[in-house]
Amino acid sequence: SQKIANPKDCFVLKVTGQSMIDAGIFEGDLLIADSQRQPKAGNIVIALVDNENTVKRLVKKQNKFFLHAENKDYPDIHPMESLQVQGVVISLHRQYL
């Protein structure tokens, strides 16, 4: 279990869609993200891409960042204008009811 240094820097997002199912993230899950954590390639992040929010894995190739879906039926997202990581996912909460 990882300690959250500053809980006030964290936020919760409810997942919609199926793009991250191969990473074990399902629709209805609650993700806790740290807005102050430095994003690194390989992290699962909540990002604003060309004015749309998404949850994906951050990937870096040839010095450029893009977002990778963990579901083969979804394409990678290469930003047309901007990619802003809003938080690095640090925890997942799932209800079974």
Protein backbone atom coordinates (compact mmCIF):
# COMPACT_ATOMS: atom_id res chain seq x y z
CA SER A 1 0.00 0.00 0.00
CA GLN A 2 1.32 3.40 -1.00
CA LYS A 3 0.95 6.36 1.34
CA ILE A 4 -0.66 9.46 -0.08
CA ALA A 5 1.64 12.35 0.82
CA ASN A 6 -0.91 15.14 0.34
CA PRO A 7 -4.51 13.92 0.10
CA LYS A 8 -5.63 17.46 -0.82
CA ASP A 9 -3.74 17.04 -4.11
CA CYS A 10 -5.84 14.00 -5.05
CA PHE A 11 -9.15 13.68 -6.85
CA VAL A 12 -11.52 10.84 -7.72
CA LEU A 13 -12.83 9.96 -11.16
CA LYS A 14 -15.56 7.42 -11.97
CA VAL A 15 -14.59 5.35 -15.01
CA THR A 16 -16.85 5.18 -18.03
CA GLY A 17 -16.14 2.98 -21.03
CA GLN A 18 -14.06 -0.13 -21.69
CA SER A 19 -10.75 1.23 -22.99
CA MET A 20 -8.68 0.11 -19.96
CA ILE A 21 -10.11 -3.36 -19.25
CA ASP A 22 -6.84 -5.16 -19.98
CA ALA A 23 -5.26 -3.13 -17.16
CA GLY A 24 -8.04 -4.29 -14.82
CA ILE A 25 -9.89 -0.97 -14.89
CA PHE A 26 -13.61 -1.37 -15.54
CA GLU A 27 -16.62 0.88 -16.03
CA GLY A 28 -17.88 2.11 -12.67
CA ASP A 29 -14.50 1.82 -10.92
CA LEU A 30 -13.35 4.83 -8.93
CA LEU A 31 -9.81 5.98 -9.65
CA ILE A 32 -7.83 8.09 -7.22
CA ALA A 33 -5.31 10.33 -8.96
CA ASP A 34 -2.56 12.57 -7.60
CA SER A 35 -2.50 15.91 -9.42
CA GLN A 36 0.98 16.79 -8.11
CA ARG A 37 2.80 13.57 -8.96
CA GLN A 38 5.22 13.89 -11.88
CA PRO A 39 3.85 11.69 -14.71
CA LYS A 40 6.27 9.16 -16.17
CA ALA A 41 6.05 6.97 -19.24
CA GLY A 42 4.19 3.81 -18.27
CA ASN A 43 1.93 5.49 -15.69
CA ILE A 44 -1.83 5.28 -16.02
CA VAL A 45 -3.02 8.87 -16.10
CA ILE A 46 -6.10 11.00 -16.29
CA ALA A 47 -5.47 13.45 -19.10
CA LEU A 48 -7.06 16.25 -21.03
CA VAL A 49 -6.39 15.70 -24.73
CA ASP A 50 -7.61 18.25 -27.23
CA ASN A 51 -10.26 19.34 -24.67
CA GLU A 52 -11.50 15.81 -23.82
CA ASN A 53 -10.84 13.84 -20.61
CA THR A 54 -9.61 10.27 -20.78
CA VAL A 55 -7.89 7.55 -18.71
CA LYS A 56 -5.01 5.87 -20.53
CA ARG A 57 -1.41 4.70 -20.18
CA LEU A 58 1.18 7.41 -20.89
CA VAL A 59 3.69 6.32 -23.54
CA LYS A 60 6.76 8.08 -24.91
CA LYS A 61 8.28 7.25 -28.30
CA GLN A 62 10.75 9.34 -30.28
CA ASN A 63 10.56 12.08 -27.63
CA LYS A 64 6.77 12.46 -28.06
CA PHE A 65 4.08 11.49 -25.57
CA PHE A 66 0.82 9.80 -26.49
CA LEU A 67 -1.86 7.77 -24.70
CA HIS A 68 -2.35 4.04 -25.05
CA ALA A 69 -5.63 2.23 -24.40
CA GLU A 70 -5.36 -1.10 -22.61
CA ASN A 71 -7.93 -2.71 -24.91
CA LYS A 72 -6.98 -3.81 -28.42
CA ASP A 73 -10.30 -2.50 -29.76
CA TYR A 74 -9.36 1.11 -28.94
CA PRO A 75 -6.77 3.17 -30.82
CA ASP A 76 -3.88 5.07 -29.29
CA ILE A 77 -4.50 8.78 -28.83
CA HIS A 78 -1.96 11.13 -30.38
CA PRO A 79 -2.81 14.70 -29.44
CA MET A 80 -3.56 17.05 -32.31
CA GLU A 81 -3.02 20.17 -30.21
CA SER A 82 -2.46 19.48 -26.53
CA LEU A 83 -1.95 16.75 -23.94
CA GLN A 84 -2.24 17.78 -20.30
CA VAL A 85 -1.87 15.14 -17.59
CA GLN A 86 -4.26 16.11 -14.82
CA GLY A 87 -3.24 13.32 -12.47
CA VAL A 88 -1.36 10.05 -12.09
CA VAL A 89 -3.61 7.17 -11.02
CA ILE A 90 -2.45 5.86 -7.64
CA SER A 91 -5.39 3.73 -6.51
CA LEU A 92 -8.55 2.01 -7.68
CA HIS A 93 -11.72 1.33 -5.72
CA ARG A 94 -14.35 -1.14 -6.93
CA GLN A 95 -17.70 -1.97 -5.40
CA TYR A 96 -19.04 -5.46 -5.97
CA LEU A 97 -22.67 -4.64 -5.31
